[in-house]
Each structure stands twice: as structure tokens, then as C-alpha cells.
């Protein structure tokens, strides 16, 4: 269990932060950029949950579960090394978390007609907030793949963040009256 009695430690005043293994890294390092982007995505999902209209709150439990998974993802990214086996002391994203997202995407997509155009990120406010969260997840994915170009990153973590943006896209469409409230892109409309 985590217990935080004191929020500030002063140990980061030199521009470094601690990792799970006890090592320290620069706050601007690629690893910290990825962790920060995941935190930003988690915050955007929290905003999507908080701003949901009463009729659209059916997804809150799923998004809260995802927020918890994103804390696991942050812990995974904060644990350097190339052994991605989870243990009692080491949190790692696992395939079951990716599978849960895939099942959710499939379930949500069953009642939504196929796309015939790209859609603009909007529609109703709950869907628009979910699109913002999706865009933040895409930024986290870019940061994670940049980190993976430098050092090993858990393949399940990379799959998870990729599926999560897909999940949020389909969820936003479901929130937009099963796609009927989507705002379609009209290429070249304003030339």
C-alpha cells in the first residue's frame, strides 16, 4: 500500500527524479517524458469521466478501470530493465489488460455503423472530452515509442497504449448516439 505523509521531498530540486529501482534520472529524459504523457492522458480521462452528462455515465466504470491501468503503466515505465515479468514487487502491463481493451472495442463497435468518412473530434461534450483523452493517449504512445528507440520497453505496454487510443475512439463514437452524432470530415469543404 502507498502511504504519502509528505508530498515534497526536495530530492528533485536538482532536476532529477527517482525510479522504481532506486536510480535517478533527469526529469527531461525520454523515460520521464513518457511517464508524464501517460499521466496527462490519465488526467484527460478523469476529465472525461467528470464531465459526462448523466445519460453518458455508463462508461465511467470502464474508464476508471483504465485510469487504474494507466497507473500500472506509469509504474511499468518507471521500472528500467528488460525483464518484463510482473511480480509481487514489480508492476508490469500484461496481455490480459490488452485483451480487455480489445474485447471492449469489439463490444462497443457492434452497434456502430462502419465509418464512411473520417470524423472530426467532437459531437456531444462527453464524446469531445473522450476525443481529447484519445489525443493525449496518442501523445503518450509517441513518447513511449521514442523511449523504446533508446531502451527496452515492455511490448505489452506498447500494445496497451495503442489499443487504448482505439478504445477511446470507438467509445467517443458510441457516446455520439452510436455514431449518428459524429461530425463527418468534408475534405476541401472550405477551399
C-alpha atoms as a PDB file:
ATOM      1  CA  UNK A   1       0.000   0.000   0.000  1.00  0.00           C
ATOM      2  CA  UNK A   2       1.203   3.512  -0.763  1.00  0.00           C
ATOM      3  CA  UNK A   3       1.358   5.950   2.120  1.00  0.00           C
ATOM      4  CA  UNK A   4       2.362   9.547   1.441  1.00  0.00           C
ATOM      5  CA  UNK A   5       2.687  11.685   4.552  1.00  0.00           C
ATOM      6  CA  UNK A   6       4.779  14.364   2.917  1.00  0.00           C
ATOM      7  CA  UNK A   7       4.284  15.470  -0.674  1.00  0.00           C
ATOM      8  CA  UNK A   8       7.525  17.350  -1.196  1.00  0.00           C
ATOM      9  CA  UNK A   9      10.912  15.706  -0.641  1.00  0.00           C
ATOM     10  CA  UNK A  10      13.304  18.279  -2.139  1.00  0.00           C
ATOM     11  CA  UNK A  11      15.195  15.405  -3.804  1.00  0.00           C
ATOM     12  CA  UNK A  12      14.081  16.586  -7.237  1.00  0.00           C
ATOM     13  CA  UNK A  13      15.326  20.132  -6.838  1.00  0.00           C
ATOM     14  CA  UNK A  14      18.424  19.209  -8.843  1.00  0.00           C
ATOM     15  CA  UNK A  15      16.309  18.291 -11.894  1.00  0.00           C
ATOM     16  CA  UNK A  16      16.303  14.539 -11.290  1.00  0.00           C
ATOM     17  CA  UNK A  17      13.682  12.092 -10.124  1.00  0.00           C
ATOM     18  CA  UNK A  18      13.777   8.602  -8.673  1.00  0.00           C
ATOM     19  CA  UNK A  19      12.824   5.412 -10.488  1.00  0.00           C
ATOM     20  CA  UNK A  20      11.447   2.185  -9.044  1.00  0.00           C
ATOM     21  CA  UNK A  21      14.894   0.553  -8.925  1.00  0.00           C
ATOM     22  CA  UNK A  22      16.293   3.410  -6.824  1.00  0.00           C
ATOM     23  CA  UNK A  23      18.231   5.020  -9.668  1.00  0.00           C
ATOM     24  CA  UNK A  24      17.737   8.664 -10.575  1.00  0.00           C
ATOM     25  CA  UNK A  25      17.163  10.167 -13.998  1.00  0.00           C
ATOM     26  CA  UNK A  26      16.758  13.651 -15.432  1.00  0.00           C
ATOM     27  CA  UNK A  27      13.207  14.956 -15.319  1.00  0.00           C
ATOM     28  CA  UNK A  28      13.515  15.774 -19.030  1.00  0.00           C
ATOM     29  CA  UNK A  29      14.697  12.257 -20.012  1.00  0.00           C
ATOM     30  CA  UNK A  30      12.704  10.252 -22.555  1.00  0.00           C
ATOM     31  CA  UNK A  31      11.517   7.888 -19.800  1.00  0.00           C
ATOM     32  CA  UNK A  32      10.093  10.777 -17.797  1.00  0.00           C
ATOM     33  CA  UNK A  33       8.525  12.292 -20.910  1.00  0.00           C
ATOM     34  CA  UNK A  34       6.676   9.007 -21.470  1.00  0.00           C
ATOM     35  CA  UNK A  35       5.599   8.772 -17.822  1.00  0.00           C
ATOM     36  CA  UNK A  36       4.419  12.389 -17.905  1.00  0.00           C
ATOM     37  CA  UNK A  37       2.451  11.841 -21.114  1.00  0.00           C
ATOM     38  CA  UNK A  38       0.733   8.812 -19.548  1.00  0.00           C
ATOM     39  CA  UNK A  39      -0.135  10.963 -16.509  1.00  0.00           C
ATOM     40  CA  UNK A  40      -1.554  13.652 -18.799  1.00  0.00           C
ATOM     41  CA  UNK A  41      -3.660  11.058 -20.623  1.00  0.00           C
ATOM     42  CA  UNK A  42      -4.908   9.721 -17.298  1.00  0.00           C
ATOM     43  CA  UNK A  43      -5.909  13.237 -16.252  1.00  0.00           C
ATOM     44  CA  UNK A  44      -7.760  13.772 -19.540  1.00  0.00           C
ATOM     45  CA  UNK A  45      -9.662  10.529 -18.973  1.00  0.00           C
ATOM     46  CA  UNK A  46     -10.552  11.745 -15.474  1.00  0.00           C
ATOM     47  CA  UNK A  47     -11.910  14.930 -17.025  1.00  0.00           C
ATOM     48  CA  UNK A  48     -13.949  12.866 -19.476  1.00  0.00           C
ATOM     49  CA  UNK A  49     -15.472  10.914 -16.585  1.00  0.00           C
ATOM     50  CA  UNK A  50     -16.140  14.035 -14.504  1.00  0.00           C
ATOM     51  CA  UNK A  51     -17.734  15.900 -17.391  1.00  0.00           C
ATOM     52  CA  UNK A  52     -20.030  13.159 -18.575  1.00  0.00           C
ATOM     53  CA  UNK A  53     -23.678  14.001 -18.921  1.00  0.00           C
ATOM     54  CA  UNK A  54     -25.989  11.957 -16.732  1.00  0.00           C
ATOM     55  CA  UNK A  55     -27.064   9.807 -19.664  1.00  0.00           C
ATOM     56  CA  UNK A  56     -23.498   9.089 -20.741  1.00  0.00           C
ATOM     57  CA  UNK A  57     -22.098   7.951 -17.401  1.00  0.00           C
ATOM     58  CA  UNK A  58     -22.499   4.263 -18.296  1.00  0.00           C
ATOM     59  CA  UNK A  59     -18.831   4.171 -19.301  1.00  0.00           C
ATOM     60  CA  UNK A  60     -17.465   5.577 -16.013  1.00  0.00           C
ATOM     61  CA  UNK A  61     -16.560   2.197 -14.505  1.00  0.00           C
ATOM     62  CA  UNK A  62     -14.614   1.201 -17.616  1.00  0.00           C
ATOM     63  CA  UNK A  63     -12.750   4.499 -17.728  1.00  0.00           C
ATOM     64  CA  UNK A  64     -11.953   4.293 -14.015  1.00  0.00           C
ATOM     65  CA  UNK A  65     -10.548   0.814 -14.603  1.00  0.00           C
ATOM     66  CA  UNK A  66      -8.433   2.262 -17.422  1.00  0.00           C
ATOM     67  CA  UNK A  67      -7.201   5.034 -15.132  1.00  0.00           C
ATOM     68  CA  UNK A  68      -6.010   2.378 -12.694  1.00  0.00           C
ATOM     69  CA  UNK A  69      -4.285   0.537 -15.564  1.00  0.00           C
ATOM     70  CA  UNK A  70      -2.556   3.797 -16.533  1.00  0.00           C
ATOM     71  CA  UNK A  71      -1.053   3.991 -13.037  1.00  0.00           C
ATOM     72  CA  UNK A  72       0.212   0.442 -13.628  1.00  0.00           C
ATOM     73  CA  UNK A  73       1.617   1.647 -16.950  1.00  0.00           C
ATOM     74  CA  UNK A  74       3.402   4.523 -15.236  1.00  0.00           C
ATOM     75  CA  UNK A  75       4.931   2.090 -12.741  1.00  0.00           C
ATOM     76  CA  UNK A  76       5.953  -0.179 -15.632  1.00  0.00           C
ATOM     77  CA  UNK A  77       7.686   2.702 -17.402  1.00  0.00           C
ATOM     78  CA  UNK A  78       9.372   3.776 -14.136  1.00  0.00           C
ATOM     79  CA  UNK A  79      10.959   0.322 -13.804  1.00  0.00           C
ATOM     80  CA  UNK A  80      14.039   0.167 -16.044  1.00  0.00           C
ATOM     81  CA  UNK A  81      15.325  -3.122 -17.410  1.00  0.00           C
ATOM     82  CA  UNK A  82      14.481  -5.721 -19.983  1.00  0.00           C
ATOM     83  CA  UNK A  83      12.711  -8.280 -17.781  1.00  0.00           C
ATOM     84  CA  UNK A  84       9.019  -7.528 -18.202  1.00  0.00           C
ATOM     85  CA  UNK A  85       7.786 -10.332 -15.972  1.00  0.00           C
ATOM     86  CA  UNK A  86       5.399  -8.998 -13.341  1.00  0.00           C
ATOM     87  CA  UNK A  87       5.896  -9.997  -9.732  1.00  0.00           C
ATOM     88  CA  UNK A  88       4.623  -9.101  -6.290  1.00  0.00           C
ATOM     89  CA  UNK A  89       7.093  -6.204  -6.231  1.00  0.00           C
ATOM     90  CA  UNK A  90       7.175  -5.253  -9.936  1.00  0.00           C
ATOM     91  CA  UNK A  91       4.141  -3.885 -11.779  1.00  0.00           C
ATOM     92  CA  UNK A  92       4.051  -4.621 -15.485  1.00  0.00           C
ATOM     93  CA  UNK A  93       1.280  -4.290 -18.038  1.00  0.00           C
ATOM     94  CA  UNK A  94       0.203  -7.799 -19.061  1.00  0.00           C
ATOM     95  CA  UNK A  95      -1.576  -9.223 -22.092  1.00  0.00           C
ATOM     96  CA  UNK A  96      -4.842  -9.634 -20.151  1.00  0.00           C
ATOM     97  CA  UNK A  97      -5.090  -5.836 -19.904  1.00  0.00           C
ATOM     98  CA  UNK A  98      -4.646  -5.519 -23.672  1.00  0.00           C
ATOM     99  CA  UNK A  99      -7.208  -8.283 -24.232  1.00  0.00           C
ATOM    100  CA  UNK A 100      -9.743  -6.443 -22.033  1.00  0.00           C
ATOM    101  CA  UNK A 101      -9.414  -3.336 -24.217  1.00  0.00           C
ATOM    102  CA  UNK A 102      -9.815  -5.387 -27.392  1.00  0.00           C
ATOM    103  CA  UNK A 103     -12.964  -7.041 -26.035  1.00  0.00           C
ATOM    104  CA  UNK A 104     -14.299  -3.602 -25.104  1.00  0.00           C
ATOM    105  CA  UNK A 105     -13.592  -2.238 -28.567  1.00  0.00           C
ATOM    106  CA  UNK A 106     -15.385  -5.193 -30.167  1.00  0.00           C
ATOM    107  CA  UNK A 107     -18.396  -4.850 -27.851  1.00  0.00           C
ATOM    108  CA  UNK A 108     -18.730  -1.103 -28.397  1.00  0.00           C
ATOM    109  CA  UNK A 109     -18.265  -1.420 -32.146  1.00  0.00           C
ATOM    110  CA  UNK A 110     -21.071  -3.989 -32.560  1.00  0.00           C
ATOM    111  CA  UNK A 111     -23.795  -1.321 -32.511  1.00  0.00           C
ATOM    112  CA  UNK A 112     -21.971   1.357 -34.506  1.00  0.00           C
ATOM    113  CA  UNK A 113     -22.207   1.506 -38.298  1.00  0.00           C
ATOM    114  CA  UNK A 114     -18.899   1.394 -40.203  1.00  0.00           C
ATOM    115  CA  UNK A 115     -17.210   4.688 -40.954  1.00  0.00           C
ATOM    116  CA  UNK A 116     -17.711   6.137 -44.418  1.00  0.00           C
ATOM    117  CA  UNK A 117     -15.580   9.210 -43.699  1.00  0.00           C
ATOM    118  CA  UNK A 118     -13.078  10.391 -41.146  1.00  0.00           C
ATOM    119  CA  UNK A 119     -14.800  12.158 -38.278  1.00  0.00           C
ATOM    120  CA  UNK A 120     -13.986  15.412 -36.571  1.00  0.00           C
ATOM    121  CA  UNK A 121     -13.217  15.098 -32.853  1.00  0.00           C
ATOM    122  CA  UNK A 122     -16.432  16.403 -31.372  1.00  0.00           C
ATOM    123  CA  UNK A 123     -20.136  15.765 -31.364  1.00  0.00           C
ATOM    124  CA  UNK A 124     -21.562  15.951 -27.871  1.00  0.00           C
ATOM    125  CA  UNK A 125     -19.479  17.167 -24.938  1.00  0.00           C
ATOM    126  CA  UNK A 126     -18.812  13.703 -23.436  1.00  0.00           C
ATOM    127  CA  UNK A 127     -17.573  12.452 -26.814  1.00  0.00           C
ATOM    128  CA  UNK A 128     -15.472  15.596 -27.338  1.00  0.00           C
ATOM    129  CA  UNK A 129     -13.832  15.103 -23.928  1.00  0.00           C
ATOM    130  CA  UNK A 130     -13.149  11.484 -24.844  1.00  0.00           C
ATOM    131  CA  UNK A 131     -11.544  12.576 -28.128  1.00  0.00           C
ATOM    132  CA  UNK A 132      -9.254  14.918 -26.151  1.00  0.00           C
ATOM    133  CA  UNK A 133      -8.283  11.955 -23.957  1.00  0.00           C
ATOM    134  CA  UNK A 134      -7.652   9.873 -27.110  1.00  0.00           C
ATOM    135  CA  UNK A 135      -5.342  12.546 -28.490  1.00  0.00           C
ATOM    136  CA  UNK A 136      -3.447  12.621 -25.165  1.00  0.00           C
ATOM    137  CA  UNK A 137      -3.081   8.830 -25.316  1.00  0.00           C
ATOM    138  CA  UNK A 138      -1.627   9.156 -28.819  1.00  0.00           C
ATOM    139  CA  UNK A 139       0.946  11.620 -27.434  1.00  0.00           C
ATOM    140  CA  UNK A 140       1.796   9.093 -24.706  1.00  0.00           C
ATOM    141  CA  UNK A 141       2.217   6.422 -27.365  1.00  0.00           C
ATOM    142  CA  UNK A 142       4.615   8.645 -29.330  1.00  0.00           C
ATOM    143  CA  UNK A 143       6.622   9.302 -26.164  1.00  0.00           C
ATOM    144  CA  UNK A 144       6.703   5.591 -25.352  1.00  0.00           C
ATOM    145  CA  UNK A 145       7.880   4.615 -28.831  1.00  0.00           C
ATOM    146  CA  UNK A 146      10.574   7.311 -28.630  1.00  0.00           C
ATOM    147  CA  UNK A 147      11.694   5.753 -25.336  1.00  0.00           C
ATOM    148  CA  UNK A 148      11.599   2.292 -26.934  1.00  0.00           C
ATOM    149  CA  UNK A 149      14.015   3.535 -29.604  1.00  0.00           C
ATOM    150  CA  UNK A 150      16.550   4.163 -26.804  1.00  0.00           C
ATOM    151  CA  UNK A 151      15.926   1.403 -24.274  1.00  0.00           C
ATOM    152  CA  UNK A 152      13.760  -1.694 -23.831  1.00  0.00           C
ATOM    153  CA  UNK A 153      10.050  -1.041 -23.183  1.00  0.00           C
ATOM    154  CA  UNK A 154       7.532  -3.718 -22.265  1.00  0.00           C
ATOM    155  CA  UNK A 155       5.863  -4.854 -25.544  1.00  0.00           C
ATOM    156  CA  UNK A 156       2.563  -5.343 -23.692  1.00  0.00           C
ATOM    157  CA  UNK A 157       2.748  -1.720 -22.522  1.00  0.00           C
ATOM    158  CA  UNK A 158       3.205  -0.534 -26.102  1.00  0.00           C
ATOM    159  CA  UNK A 159       0.268  -2.688 -27.247  1.00  0.00           C
ATOM    160  CA  UNK A 160      -1.864  -1.412 -24.346  1.00  0.00           C
ATOM    161  CA  UNK A 161      -1.384   2.261 -25.177  1.00  0.00           C
ATOM    162  CA  UNK A 162      -2.046   1.593 -28.866  1.00  0.00           C
ATOM    163  CA  UNK A 163      -5.303  -0.241 -28.099  1.00  0.00           C
ATOM    164  CA  UNK A 164      -6.348   2.399 -25.588  1.00  0.00           C
ATOM    165  CA  UNK A 165      -6.482   5.126 -28.221  1.00  0.00           C
ATOM    166  CA  UNK A 166      -8.598   2.818 -30.388  1.00  0.00           C
ATOM    167  CA  UNK A 167     -10.880   2.102 -27.423  1.00  0.00           C
ATOM    168  CA  UNK A 168     -11.361   5.815 -26.745  1.00  0.00           C
ATOM    169  CA  UNK A 169     -12.095   6.495 -30.426  1.00  0.00           C
ATOM    170  CA  UNK A 170     -14.817   3.833 -30.515  1.00  0.00           C
ATOM    171  CA  UNK A 171     -16.147   4.953 -27.122  1.00  0.00           C
ATOM    172  CA  UNK A 172     -16.467   8.532 -28.393  1.00  0.00           C
ATOM    173  CA  UNK A 173     -18.441   7.251 -31.375  1.00  0.00           C
ATOM    174  CA  UNK A 174     -20.681   5.229 -29.048  1.00  0.00           C
ATOM    175  CA  UNK A 175     -21.261   8.357 -26.958  1.00  0.00           C
ATOM    176  CA  UNK A 176     -22.287  10.201 -30.105  1.00  0.00           C
ATOM    177  CA  UNK A 177     -25.501   8.210 -30.364  1.00  0.00           C
ATOM    178  CA  UNK A 178     -23.784   5.129 -31.784  1.00  0.00           C
ATOM    179  CA  UNK A 179     -22.113   7.191 -34.472  1.00  0.00           C
ATOM    180  CA  UNK A 180     -25.175   9.105 -35.647  1.00  0.00           C
ATOM    181  CA  UNK A 181     -23.916  12.202 -33.817  1.00  0.00           C
ATOM    182  CA  UNK A 182     -20.436  12.021 -35.335  1.00  0.00           C
ATOM    183  CA  UNK A 183     -19.339  15.118 -37.217  1.00  0.00           C
ATOM    184  CA  UNK A 184     -18.018  13.987 -40.583  1.00  0.00           C
ATOM    185  CA  UNK A 185     -14.953  15.460 -42.220  1.00  0.00           C
ATOM    186  CA  UNK A 186     -15.715  17.004 -45.616  1.00  0.00           C
ATOM    187  CA  UNK A 187     -12.392  17.120 -47.496  1.00  0.00           C
ATOM    188  CA  UNK A 188     -11.704  20.516 -49.045  1.00  0.00           C
ATOM    189  CA  UNK A 189     -15.034  21.924 -47.848  1.00  0.00           C
ATOM    190  CA  UNK A 190     -13.722  25.442 -47.264  1.00  0.00           C
ATOM    191  CA  UNK A 191     -11.436  25.966 -50.253  1.00  0.00           C
END
